[in-house]
Amino acid sequence: MLDQVSLSAVDFHSPFLKTALASLGYVRDLVRITADRSDLVEALAFTTALDANMAPVDRDAELAVLYGRLDKSAPDDLRRPVSINSVAQSLGLPFETVRRRFVALTARGLCISTPNGVIIPNSAVTSPEYGALQEARYERTRQFFLSLRAAGIVEAPLAAHEEADDPLIRAANRVVSEYALRICPALVALTGNVLTSLVLLELVLENIADLDAADLPAWMADPLQYATPRRIVSLVDGLPLSRETIRRHLQLLEDAGFCQRRRQGYVAVPQRAAAPELFRLAETNDTDLRRMLGRLERLGVLARWEREAASRTK
């Protein structure tokens, strides 16, 4: 069990924790979709650079809509370069590890290196393959939003003043990427490495997969009692990482006190005295999630999803 000092600082029925638990599977699925069976570090580096490149477009409401449909992306001269070091720091990964990924991306024509940094060009995000990834993230976010509505976590969106004829899939993806990348610094702060934190996230999801929602507060208070231990093979199915890579990160988690190895498998546990910090991260996630939904609402995306859901139930 958690030590009593940590336990007394946490309300296990907090709405922030409810939202955080609902977000875990969504974040994991975004990682799965984005990596799409490829190099996870490369996918994270690509997405982080693209998010920074597109900041000038996202800050301009007209440009955000103009380049918001799936069939139209911003030209390269509107993209702001970002340094490889900035990408590496935001992910908590070694500079050389990230630099090698950008060298590989450049060799495949998916990145442009400039004196001011790297740019993910228009041509890299207008292929049919990348379009399919954007559609998958858009659909998963729609499902996530509707599940939050059904659970009473968020309210109905305001009606859009002007709804685009075509869904703003590309604009919605930029908003989703910003949310996912806002989580990265928190994940890095938690374990020191975004990959280690993603393994921890997957382990938590596997541990609670067989629990009912009513059992989750009890699990948070005593994970060793309520969690289902999972072996490495279960985590391999959920993350685009090799068995050896997952084993290595589980060892790091065990050494840091974030998981325990039982006879039946691994169980995620809060690091000693880490419960207040985890609660703070849950609060931050709640703020970031509502920021994402607010931006999607202003784009008219949530109203579209609400209307489509209502039409399907008639």
C-alpha atoms as a PDB file:
ATOM      1  CA  MET A   1       0.000   0.000   0.000  1.00  0.00           C
ATOM      2  CA  LEU A   2       0.972   3.650  -0.309  1.00  0.00           C
ATOM      3  CA  ASP A   3       2.647   5.080   2.745  1.00  0.00           C
ATOM      4  CA  GLN A   4       0.165   6.942   4.954  1.00  0.00           C
ATOM      5  CA  VAL A   5       1.723  10.384   4.385  1.00  0.00           C
ATOM      6  CA  SER A   6       1.188  10.068   0.638  1.00  0.00           C
ATOM      7  CA  LEU A   7      -2.219   8.446   0.977  1.00  0.00           C
ATOM      8  CA  SER A   8      -3.602  11.221   3.158  1.00  0.00           C
ATOM      9  CA  ALA A   9      -2.790  13.793   0.470  1.00  0.00           C
ATOM     10  CA  VAL A  10      -4.890  12.157  -2.241  1.00  0.00           C
ATOM     11  CA  ASP A  11      -8.639  12.038  -2.867  1.00  0.00           C
ATOM     12  CA  PHE A  12      -9.048   8.823  -4.851  1.00  0.00           C
ATOM     13  CA  HIS A  13     -12.558   9.888  -5.924  1.00  0.00           C
ATOM     14  CA  SER A  14     -11.304  13.189  -7.357  1.00  0.00           C
ATOM     15  CA  PRO A  15     -12.769  14.158 -10.755  1.00  0.00           C
ATOM     16  CA  PHE A  16      -9.205  14.934 -11.873  1.00  0.00           C
ATOM     17  CA  LEU A  17      -8.221  11.293 -11.345  1.00  0.00           C
ATOM     18  CA  LYS A  18     -11.374  10.142 -13.139  1.00  0.00           C
ATOM     19  CA  THR A  19     -10.415  12.257 -16.133  1.00  0.00           C
ATOM     20  CA  ALA A  20      -6.796  11.066 -15.985  1.00  0.00           C
ATOM     21  CA  LEU A  21      -7.824   7.405 -16.035  1.00  0.00           C
ATOM     22  CA  ALA A  22     -10.137   8.081 -18.981  1.00  0.00           C
ATOM     23  CA  SER A  23      -7.223   9.767 -20.770  1.00  0.00           C
ATOM     24  CA  LEU A  24      -4.731   6.909 -20.347  1.00  0.00           C
ATOM     25  CA  GLY A  25      -6.156   4.687 -23.064  1.00  0.00           C
ATOM     26  CA  TYR A  26      -6.618   7.645 -25.394  1.00  0.00           C
ATOM     27  CA  VAL A  27      -2.989   8.742 -25.060  1.00  0.00           C
ATOM     28  CA  ARG A  28      -1.783   5.156 -25.522  1.00  0.00           C
ATOM     29  CA  ASP A  29      -3.872   4.808 -28.683  1.00  0.00           C
ATOM     30  CA  LEU A  30      -2.541   8.094 -30.076  1.00  0.00           C
ATOM     31  CA  VAL A  31       0.973   6.703 -29.638  1.00  0.00           C
ATOM     32  CA  ARG A  32      -0.001   3.463 -31.375  1.00  0.00           C
ATOM     33  CA  ILE A  33      -1.580   5.283 -34.309  1.00  0.00           C
ATOM     34  CA  THR A  34       1.244   7.798 -34.683  1.00  0.00           C
ATOM     35  CA  ALA A  35       4.005   5.185 -34.584  1.00  0.00           C
ATOM     36  CA  ASP A  36       2.043   2.830 -36.869  1.00  0.00           C
ATOM     37  CA  ARG A  37       4.475  -0.078 -36.370  1.00  0.00           C
ATOM     38  CA  SER A  38       7.474   2.176 -37.137  1.00  0.00           C
ATOM     39  CA  ASP A  39      10.284   3.516 -34.939  1.00  0.00           C
ATOM     40  CA  LEU A  40       8.536   5.089 -31.930  1.00  0.00           C
ATOM     41  CA  VAL A  41      11.349   7.561 -31.222  1.00  0.00           C
ATOM     42  CA  GLU A  42      11.321   8.680 -34.851  1.00  0.00           C
ATOM     43  CA  ALA A  43       7.542   9.124 -34.765  1.00  0.00           C
ATOM     44  CA  LEU A  44       7.763  11.210 -31.585  1.00  0.00           C
ATOM     45  CA  ALA A  45      10.582  13.351 -33.008  1.00  0.00           C
ATOM     46  CA  PHE A  46       8.669  13.864 -36.273  1.00  0.00           C
ATOM     47  CA  THR A  47       5.479  14.891 -34.451  1.00  0.00           C
ATOM     48  CA  THR A  48       7.288  17.201 -32.028  1.00  0.00           C
ATOM     49  CA  ALA A  49       9.088  19.006 -34.852  1.00  0.00           C
ATOM     50  CA  LEU A  50       5.909  19.288 -36.920  1.00  0.00           C
ATOM     51  CA  ASP A  51       4.018  20.776 -33.976  1.00  0.00           C
ATOM     52  CA  ALA A  52       6.712  23.443 -33.548  1.00  0.00           C
ATOM     53  CA  ASN A  53       6.857  24.084 -37.313  1.00  0.00           C
ATOM     54  CA  MET A  54       3.113  24.742 -37.476  1.00  0.00           C
ATOM     55  CA  ALA A  55       2.917  27.161 -34.531  1.00  0.00           C
ATOM     56  CA  PRO A  56       2.603  30.263 -36.790  1.00  0.00           C
ATOM     57  CA  VAL A  57      -0.362  28.676 -38.585  1.00  0.00           C
ATOM     58  CA  ASP A  58      -2.106  27.608 -35.386  1.00  0.00           C
ATOM     59  CA  ARG A  59      -1.805  31.101 -33.893  1.00  0.00           C
ATOM     60  CA  ASP A  60      -3.729  32.608 -36.824  1.00  0.00           C
ATOM     61  CA  ALA A  61      -7.417  31.625 -36.756  1.00  0.00           C
ATOM     62  CA  GLU A  62      -7.875  32.169 -40.498  1.00  0.00           C
ATOM     63  CA  LEU A  63      -4.778  30.173 -41.433  1.00  0.00           C
ATOM     64  CA  ALA A  64      -5.771  27.382 -39.032  1.00  0.00           C
ATOM     65  CA  VAL A  65      -9.042  26.922 -40.929  1.00  0.00           C
ATOM     66  CA  LEU A  66      -7.559  27.580 -44.380  1.00  0.00           C
ATOM     67  CA  TYR A  67      -5.046  24.783 -43.832  1.00  0.00           C
ATOM     68  CA  GLY A  68      -7.379  22.699 -41.700  1.00  0.00           C
ATOM     69  CA  ARG A  69      -8.859  20.272 -44.214  1.00  0.00           C
ATOM     70  CA  LEU A  70      -7.228  16.988 -45.035  1.00  0.00           C
ATOM     71  CA  ASP A  71      -6.585  17.968 -48.658  1.00  0.00           C
ATOM     72  CA  LYS A  72      -4.639  21.170 -47.928  1.00  0.00           C
ATOM     73  CA  SER A  73      -1.558  21.731 -45.768  1.00  0.00           C
ATOM     74  CA  ALA A  74       0.450  24.895 -45.171  1.00  0.00           C
ATOM     75  CA  PRO A  75       3.353  25.654 -47.557  1.00  0.00           C
ATOM     76  CA  ASP A  76       6.896  25.293 -46.293  1.00  0.00           C
ATOM     77  CA  ASP A  77       7.493  29.039 -46.055  1.00  0.00           C
ATOM     78  CA  LEU A  78       4.880  29.266 -43.281  1.00  0.00           C
ATOM     79  CA  ARG A  79       6.620  26.589 -41.210  1.00  0.00           C
ATOM     80  CA  ARG A  80       8.937  27.732 -38.431  1.00  0.00           C
ATOM     81  CA  PRO A  81      12.189  25.737 -38.052  1.00  0.00           C
ATOM     82  CA  VAL A  82      12.925  24.081 -34.715  1.00  0.00           C
ATOM     83  CA  SER A  83      16.288  22.965 -33.368  1.00  0.00           C
ATOM     84  CA  ILE A  84      17.020  19.285 -32.851  1.00  0.00           C
ATOM     85  CA  ASN A  85      18.135  20.111 -29.327  1.00  0.00           C
ATOM     86  CA  SER A  86      14.706  21.589 -28.524  1.00  0.00           C
ATOM     87  CA  VAL A  87      13.019  18.416 -29.753  1.00  0.00           C
ATOM     88  CA  ALA A  88      15.381  16.214 -27.733  1.00  0.00           C
ATOM     89  CA  GLN A  89      14.873  18.236 -24.561  1.00  0.00           C
ATOM     90  CA  SER A  90      11.087  18.197 -24.827  1.00  0.00           C
ATOM     91  CA  LEU A  91      11.146  14.397 -25.131  1.00  0.00           C
ATOM     92  CA  GLY A  92      13.812  13.866 -22.490  1.00  0.00           C
ATOM     93  CA  LEU A  93      15.900  11.879 -24.963  1.00  0.00           C
ATOM     94  CA  PRO A  94      19.640  12.114 -25.756  1.00  0.00           C
ATOM     95  CA  PHE A  95      20.495  14.654 -28.442  1.00  0.00           C
ATOM     96  CA  GLU A  96      22.379  12.092 -30.529  1.00  0.00           C
ATOM     97  CA  THR A  97      19.448   9.659 -30.431  1.00  0.00           C
ATOM     98  CA  VAL A  98      17.115  12.316 -31.811  1.00  0.00           C
ATOM     99  CA  ARG A  99      19.678  13.682 -34.280  1.00  0.00           C
ATOM    100  CA  ARG A 100      20.049  10.235 -35.869  1.00  0.00           C
ATOM    101  CA  ARG A 101      16.294  10.079 -36.386  1.00  0.00           C
ATOM    102  CA  PHE A 102      16.282  13.408 -38.202  1.00  0.00           C
ATOM    103  CA  VAL A 103      19.189  12.281 -40.375  1.00  0.00           C
ATOM    104  CA  ALA A 104      17.125   9.236 -41.349  1.00  0.00           C
ATOM    105  CA  LEU A 105      14.011  11.349 -41.952  1.00  0.00           C
ATOM    106  CA  THR A 106      16.008  13.754 -44.134  1.00  0.00           C
ATOM    107  CA  ALA A 107      17.412  10.876 -46.177  1.00  0.00           C
ATOM    108  CA  ARG A 108      13.845   9.746 -46.922  1.00  0.00           C
ATOM    109  CA  GLY A 109      12.697  13.246 -47.868  1.00  0.00           C
ATOM    110  CA  LEU A 110      10.549  13.623 -44.740  1.00  0.00           C
ATOM    111  CA  CYS A 111      12.593  16.441 -43.205  1.00  0.00           C
ATOM    112  CA  ILE A 112      14.500  19.520 -44.382  1.00  0.00           C
ATOM    113  CA  SER A 113      17.564  20.719 -42.486  1.00  0.00           C
ATOM    114  CA  THR A 114      18.126  24.497 -42.436  1.00  0.00           C
ATOM    115  CA  PRO A 115      20.624  26.748 -40.606  1.00  0.00           C
ATOM    116  CA  ASN A 116      17.826  27.614 -38.159  1.00  0.00           C
ATOM    117  CA  GLY A 117      16.664  24.069 -37.513  1.00  0.00           C
ATOM    118  CA  VAL A 118      14.606  21.312 -39.085  1.00  0.00           C
ATOM    119  CA  ILE A 119      11.323  21.541 -40.975  1.00  0.00           C
ATOM    120  CA  ILE A 120       8.842  18.773 -41.700  1.00  0.00           C
ATOM    121  CA  PRO A 121       7.852  19.790 -45.248  1.00  0.00           C
ATOM    122  CA  ASN A 122       4.425  19.944 -46.844  1.00  0.00           C
ATOM    123  CA  SER A 123       5.261  16.907 -48.967  1.00  0.00           C
ATOM    124  CA  ALA A 124       5.800  14.763 -45.851  1.00  0.00           C
ATOM    125  CA  VAL A 125       2.281  15.356 -44.524  1.00  0.00           C
ATOM    126  CA  THR A 126       0.229  15.213 -47.720  1.00  0.00           C
ATOM    127  CA  SER A 127       0.781  11.575 -48.668  1.00  0.00           C
ATOM    128  CA  PRO A 128      -2.137   9.100 -48.578  1.00  0.00           C
ATOM    129  CA  GLU A 129      -0.362   7.202 -45.797  1.00  0.00           C
ATOM    130  CA  TYR A 130      -0.072  10.258 -43.571  1.00  0.00           C
ATOM    131  CA  GLY A 131      -3.661  11.198 -44.382  1.00  0.00           C
ATOM    132  CA  ALA A 132      -4.774   7.787 -43.104  1.00  0.00           C
ATOM    133  CA  LEU A 133      -2.950   8.422 -39.812  1.00  0.00           C
ATOM    134  CA  GLN A 134      -4.674  11.784 -39.458  1.00  0.00           C
ATOM    135  CA  GLU A 135      -8.080  10.239 -40.099  1.00  0.00           C
ATOM    136  CA  ALA A 136      -7.370   7.541 -37.501  1.00  0.00           C
ATOM    137  CA  ARG A 137      -6.361  10.118 -34.854  1.00  0.00           C
ATOM    138  CA  TYR A 138      -9.431  12.222 -35.695  1.00  0.00           C
ATOM    139  CA  GLU A 139     -11.727   9.211 -35.306  1.00  0.00           C
ATOM    140  CA  ARG A 140     -10.090   8.102 -32.039  1.00  0.00           C
ATOM    141  CA  THR A 141     -10.464  11.630 -30.658  1.00  0.00           C
ATOM    142  CA  ARG A 142     -14.134  11.647 -31.676  1.00  0.00           C
ATOM    143  CA  GLN A 143     -14.663   8.388 -29.787  1.00  0.00           C
ATOM    144  CA  PHE A 144     -12.812   9.775 -26.773  1.00  0.00           C
ATOM    145  CA  PHE A 145     -14.900  12.956 -26.723  1.00  0.00           C
ATOM    146  CA  LEU A 146     -18.172  11.026 -26.937  1.00  0.00           C
ATOM    147  CA  SER A 147     -17.042   8.716 -24.119  1.00  0.00           C
ATOM    148  CA  LEU A 148     -16.276  11.774 -21.962  1.00  0.00           C
ATOM    149  CA  ARG A 149     -19.747  13.120 -22.755  1.00  0.00           C
ATOM    150  CA  ALA A 150     -21.383   9.811 -21.849  1.00  0.00           C
ATOM    151  CA  ALA A 151     -19.464   9.698 -18.552  1.00  0.00           C
ATOM    152  CA  GLY A 152     -20.525  13.238 -17.684  1.00  0.00           C
ATOM    153  CA  ILE A 153     -16.932  14.472 -17.612  1.00  0.00           C
ATOM    154  CA  VAL A 154     -17.542  17.216 -20.200  1.00  0.00           C
ATOM    155  CA  GLU A 155     -20.628  19.181 -21.168  1.00  0.00           C
ATOM    156  CA  ALA A 156     -22.277  19.503 -24.555  1.00  0.00           C
ATOM    157  CA  PRO A 157     -20.372  21.845 -26.886  1.00  0.00           C
ATOM    158  CA  LEU A 158     -21.716  25.163 -28.042  1.00  0.00           C
ATOM    159  CA  ALA A 159     -23.152  25.196 -31.543  1.00  0.00           C
ATOM    160  CA  ALA A 160     -20.599  26.299 -34.107  1.00  0.00           C
ATOM    161  CA  HIS A 161     -21.221  29.756 -35.556  1.00  0.00           C
ATOM    162  CA  GLU A 162     -19.746  28.689 -38.884  1.00  0.00           C
ATOM    163  CA  GLU A 163     -19.171  25.028 -39.527  1.00  0.00           C
ATOM    164  CA  ALA A 164     -16.813  24.118 -42.354  1.00  0.00           C
ATOM    165  CA  ASP A 165     -18.289  22.152 -45.233  1.00  0.00           C
ATOM    166  CA  ASP A 166     -15.603  19.498 -44.843  1.00  0.00           C
ATOM    167  CA  PRO A 167     -14.362  18.226 -41.474  1.00  0.00           C
ATOM    168  CA  LEU A 168     -11.236  20.052 -40.317  1.00  0.00           C
ATOM    169  CA  ILE A 169      -9.282  16.838 -39.873  1.00  0.00           C
ATOM    170  CA  ARG A 170      -5.859  18.426 -40.300  1.00  0.00           C
ATOM    171  CA  ALA A 171      -6.620  21.320 -37.927  1.00  0.00           C
ATOM    172  CA  ALA A 172      -8.033  18.890 -35.365  1.00  0.00           C
ATOM    173  CA  ASN A 173      -4.889  16.778 -35.614  1.00  0.00           C
ATOM    174  CA  ARG A 174      -2.713  19.789 -34.833  1.00  0.00           C
ATOM    175  CA  VAL A 175      -4.786  20.431 -31.707  1.00  0.00           C
ATOM    176  CA  VAL A 176      -4.543  16.772 -30.695  1.00  0.00           C
ATOM    177  CA  SER A 177      -0.772  16.770 -31.245  1.00  0.00           C
ATOM    178  CA  GLU A 178      -0.389  19.818 -29.030  1.00  0.00           C
ATOM    179  CA  TYR A 179      -2.289  18.027 -26.238  1.00  0.00           C
ATOM    180  CA  ALA A 180      -0.234  14.860 -26.594  1.00  0.00           C
ATOM    181  CA  LEU A 181       3.035  16.792 -26.649  1.00  0.00           C
ATOM    182  CA  ARG A 182       2.029  18.825 -23.597  1.00  0.00           C
ATOM    183  CA  ILE A 183       1.902  15.512 -21.763  1.00  0.00           C
ATOM    184  CA  CYS A 184       5.475  14.632 -22.760  1.00  0.00           C
ATOM    185  CA  PRO A 185       7.254  16.972 -20.282  1.00  0.00           C
ATOM    186  CA  ALA A 186       5.099  15.555 -17.479  1.00  0.00           C
ATOM    187  CA  LEU A 187       5.958  12.018 -18.547  1.00  0.00           C
ATOM    188  CA  VAL A 188       9.642  12.912 -18.699  1.00  0.00           C
ATOM    189  CA  ALA A 189       9.488  14.518 -15.255  1.00  0.00           C
ATOM    190  CA  LEU A 190       7.850  11.397 -13.848  1.00  0.00           C
ATOM    191  CA  THR A 191      10.466   8.829 -14.882  1.00  0.00           C
ATOM    192  CA  GLY A 192      13.190  10.790 -16.689  1.00  0.00           C
ATOM    193  CA  ASN A 193      12.389   9.355 -20.132  1.00  0.00           C
ATOM    194  CA  VAL A 194       9.278   9.491 -22.299  1.00  0.00           C
ATOM    195  CA  LEU A 195       9.692   5.858 -23.425  1.00  0.00           C
ATOM    196  CA  THR A 196       9.954   4.632 -19.832  1.00  0.00           C
ATOM    197  CA  SER A 197       6.787   6.550 -18.985  1.00  0.00           C
ATOM    198  CA  LEU A 198       4.948   5.087 -21.989  1.00  0.00           C
ATOM    199  CA  VAL A 199       5.869   1.584 -20.813  1.00  0.00           C
ATOM    200  CA  LEU A 200       4.536   2.522 -17.371  1.00  0.00           C
ATOM    201  CA  LEU A 201       1.317   3.826 -18.946  1.00  0.00           C
ATOM    202  CA  GLU A 202       0.851   0.580 -20.884  1.00  0.00           C
ATOM    203  CA  LEU A 203       1.510  -1.474 -17.750  1.00  0.00           C
ATOM    204  CA  VAL A 204      -1.130   0.486 -15.825  1.00  0.00           C
ATOM    205  CA  LEU A 205      -3.692  -0.076 -18.589  1.00  0.00           C
ATOM    206  CA  GLU A 206      -2.937  -3.795 -18.657  1.00  0.00           C
ATOM    207  CA  ASN A 207      -3.099  -4.011 -14.852  1.00  0.00           C
ATOM    208  CA  ILE A 208      -6.589  -2.464 -14.708  1.00  0.00           C
ATOM    209  CA  ALA A 209      -8.041  -3.983 -17.884  1.00  0.00           C
ATOM    210  CA  ASP A 210     -10.163  -6.482 -15.911  1.00  0.00           C
ATOM    211  CA  LEU A 211     -11.433  -4.008 -13.299  1.00  0.00           C
ATOM    212  CA  ASP A 212     -14.817  -2.310 -13.226  1.00  0.00           C
ATOM    213  CA  ALA A 213     -14.906   1.471 -12.920  1.00  0.00           C
ATOM    214  CA  ALA A 214     -16.198   1.149  -9.349  1.00  0.00           C
ATOM    215  CA  ASP A 215     -13.049  -0.767  -8.365  1.00  0.00           C
ATOM    216  CA  LEU A 216     -10.573   1.846  -9.619  1.00  0.00           C
ATOM    217  CA  PRO A 217     -10.385   3.925  -6.397  1.00  0.00           C
ATOM    218  CA  ALA A 218      -9.588   0.740  -4.455  1.00  0.00           C
ATOM    219  CA  TRP A 219      -6.935  -0.156  -7.048  1.00  0.00           C
ATOM    220  CA  MET A 220      -5.333   3.279  -6.735  1.00  0.00           C
ATOM    221  CA  ALA A 221      -5.144   2.860  -2.959  1.00  0.00           C
ATOM    222  CA  ASP A 222      -3.749  -0.688  -3.105  1.00  0.00           C
ATOM    223  CA  PRO A 223      -2.591  -1.710  -6.615  1.00  0.00           C
ATOM    224  CA  LEU A 224      -0.874  -4.908  -5.481  1.00  0.00           C
ATOM    225  CA  GLN A 225      -4.184  -6.165  -4.116  1.00  0.00           C
ATOM    226  CA  TYR A 226      -6.401  -5.292  -7.079  1.00  0.00           C
ATOM    227  CA  ALA A 227      -4.204  -5.155 -10.198  1.00  0.00           C
ATOM    228  CA  THR A 228      -3.787  -8.070 -12.593  1.00  0.00           C
ATOM    229  CA  PRO A 229      -0.040  -8.762 -13.002  1.00  0.00           C
ATOM    230  CA  ARG A 230       1.092  -8.739 -16.633  1.00  0.00           C
ATOM    231  CA  ARG A 231       4.031 -10.342 -18.384  1.00  0.00           C
ATOM    232  CA  ILE A 232       6.205  -8.582 -20.947  1.00  0.00           C
ATOM    233  CA  VAL A 233       4.425 -10.261 -23.856  1.00  0.00           C
ATOM    234  CA  SER A 234       1.212  -8.407 -22.923  1.00  0.00           C
ATOM    235  CA  LEU A 235       3.006  -5.074 -23.226  1.00  0.00           C
ATOM    236  CA  VAL A 236       4.633  -5.964 -26.551  1.00  0.00           C
ATOM    237  CA  ASP A 237       1.165  -6.195 -28.104  1.00  0.00           C
ATOM    238  CA  GLY A 238       0.321  -2.669 -26.972  1.00  0.00           C
ATOM    239  CA  LEU A 239       3.471  -0.703 -27.814  1.00  0.00           C
ATOM    240  CA  PRO A 240       5.649  -0.437 -30.948  1.00  0.00           C
ATOM    241  CA  LEU A 241       8.702  -1.458 -28.924  1.00  0.00           C
ATOM    242  CA  SER A 242      10.733  -4.655 -28.899  1.00  0.00           C
ATOM    243  CA  ARG A 243      10.501  -7.164 -26.068  1.00  0.00           C
ATOM    244  CA  GLU A 244      14.061  -6.338 -24.971  1.00  0.00           C
ATOM    245  CA  THR A 245      13.382  -2.596 -24.979  1.00  0.00           C
ATOM    246  CA  ILE A 246      10.289  -3.073 -22.821  1.00  0.00           C
ATOM    247  CA  ARG A 247      12.200  -5.374 -20.450  1.00  0.00           C
ATOM    248  CA  ARG A 248      14.910  -2.732 -20.076  1.00  0.00           C
ATOM    249  CA  HIS A 249      12.405   0.005 -19.273  1.00  0.00           C
ATOM    250  CA  LEU A 250      10.548  -2.240 -16.826  1.00  0.00           C
ATOM    251  CA  GLN A 251      13.844  -2.751 -15.028  1.00  0.00           C
ATOM    252  CA  LEU A 252      14.291   1.025 -14.849  1.00  0.00           C
ATOM    253  CA  LEU A 253      10.766   1.354 -13.467  1.00  0.00           C
ATOM    254  CA  GLU A 254      11.382  -1.373 -10.907  1.00  0.00           C
ATOM    255  CA  ASP A 255      14.652   0.229  -9.805  1.00  0.00           C
ATOM    256  CA  ALA A 256      12.860   3.585  -9.421  1.00  0.00           C
ATOM    257  CA  GLY A 257      10.020   2.050  -7.401  1.00  0.00           C
ATOM    258  CA  PHE A 258       7.312   2.455 -10.059  1.00  0.00           C
ATOM    259  CA  CYS A 259       6.595  -1.243 -10.518  1.00  0.00           C
ATOM    260  CA  GLN A 260       7.093  -4.574  -8.810  1.00  0.00           C
ATOM    261  CA  ARG A 261       7.818  -7.931 -10.377  1.00  0.00           C
ATOM    262  CA  ARG A 262       5.537 -10.652  -9.043  1.00  0.00           C
ATOM    263  CA  ARG A 263       5.508 -14.341  -9.869  1.00  0.00           C
ATOM    264  CA  GLN A 264       2.632 -13.801 -12.333  1.00  0.00           C
ATOM    265  CA  GLY A 265       4.110 -10.675 -13.934  1.00  0.00           C
ATOM    266  CA  TYR A 266       4.612  -6.948 -13.336  1.00  0.00           C
ATOM    267  CA  VAL A 267       2.397  -4.550 -11.385  1.00  0.00           C
ATOM    268  CA  ALA A 268       2.631  -0.761 -11.581  1.00  0.00           C
ATOM    269  CA  VAL A 269       2.795   0.879  -8.152  1.00  0.00           C
ATOM    270  CA  PRO A 270       3.208   4.507  -7.069  1.00  0.00           C
ATOM    271  CA  GLN A 271       6.765   5.423  -6.221  1.00  0.00           C
ATOM    272  CA  ARG A 272       7.141   6.048  -2.486  1.00  0.00           C
ATOM    273  CA  ALA A 273       5.703   9.470  -1.614  1.00  0.00           C
ATOM    274  CA  ALA A 274       4.864  10.116  -5.302  1.00  0.00           C
ATOM    275  CA  ALA A 275       1.081  10.191  -4.894  1.00  0.00           C
ATOM    276  CA  PRO A 276       0.811  13.993  -4.455  1.00  0.00           C
ATOM    277  CA  GLU A 277       2.914  14.503  -7.603  1.00  0.00           C
ATOM    278  CA  LEU A 278       0.731  12.066  -9.544  1.00  0.00           C
ATOM    279  CA  PHE A 279      -2.332  13.966  -8.372  1.00  0.00           C
ATOM    280  CA  ARG A 280      -0.757  17.214  -9.586  1.00  0.00           C
ATOM    281  CA  LEU A 281      -0.139  15.610 -12.978  1.00  0.00           C
ATOM    282  CA  ALA A 282      -3.799  14.556 -13.052  1.00  0.00           C
ATOM    283  CA  GLU A 283      -4.828  18.172 -12.442  1.00  0.00           C
ATOM    284  CA  THR A 284      -2.493  19.344 -15.208  1.00  0.00           C
ATOM    285  CA  ASN A 285      -3.921  16.740 -17.579  1.00  0.00           C
ATOM    286  CA  ASP A 286      -7.435  17.954 -16.811  1.00  0.00           C
ATOM    287  CA  THR A 287      -6.409  21.506 -17.722  1.00  0.00           C
ATOM    288  CA  ASP A 288      -4.642  20.410 -20.918  1.00  0.00           C
ATOM    289  CA  LEU A 289      -7.532  18.173 -21.947  1.00  0.00           C
ATOM    290  CA  ARG A 290     -10.075  20.952 -21.535  1.00  0.00           C
ATOM    291  CA  ARG A 291      -7.767  23.289 -23.442  1.00  0.00           C
ATOM    292  CA  MET A 292      -7.742  20.770 -26.310  1.00  0.00           C
ATOM    293  CA  LEU A 293     -11.515  20.413 -26.245  1.00  0.00           C
ATOM    294  CA  GLY A 294     -11.928  24.189 -26.112  1.00  0.00           C
ATOM    295  CA  ARG A 295      -9.843  24.626 -29.251  1.00  0.00           C
ATOM    296  CA  LEU A 296     -11.745  21.849 -31.015  1.00  0.00           C
ATOM    297  CA  GLU A 297     -14.995  23.531 -29.981  1.00  0.00           C
ATOM    298  CA  ARG A 298     -13.904  26.861 -31.470  1.00  0.00           C
ATOM    299  CA  LEU A 299     -13.092  25.070 -34.726  1.00  0.00           C
ATOM    300  CA  GLY A 300     -16.633  23.637 -34.772  1.00  0.00           C
ATOM    301  CA  VAL A 301     -15.305  20.081 -34.548  1.00  0.00           C
ATOM    302  CA  LEU A 302     -17.129  19.127 -31.334  1.00  0.00           C
ATOM    303  CA  ALA A 303     -20.461  20.462 -32.613  1.00  0.00           C
ATOM    304  CA  ARG A 304     -20.034  18.355 -35.756  1.00  0.00           C
ATOM    305  CA  TRP A 305     -19.326  15.235 -33.690  1.00  0.00           C
ATOM    306  CA  GLU A 306     -22.304  15.929 -31.418  1.00  0.00           C
ATOM    307  CA  ARG A 307     -24.611  16.432 -34.390  1.00  0.00           C
ATOM    308  CA  GLU A 308     -23.353  13.292 -36.137  1.00  0.00           C
ATOM    309  CA  ALA A 309     -23.807  11.238 -32.961  1.00  0.00           C
ATOM    310  CA  ALA A 310     -27.357  12.527 -32.522  1.00  0.00           C
ATOM    311  CA  SER A 311     -28.262  11.715 -36.131  1.00  0.00           C
ATOM    312  CA  ARG A 312     -27.039   8.135 -35.704  1.00  0.00           C
ATOM    313  CA  THR A 313     -29.315   7.543 -32.712  1.00  0.00           C
ATOM    314  CA  LYS A 314     -32.484   8.657 -34.508  1.00  0.00           C
END
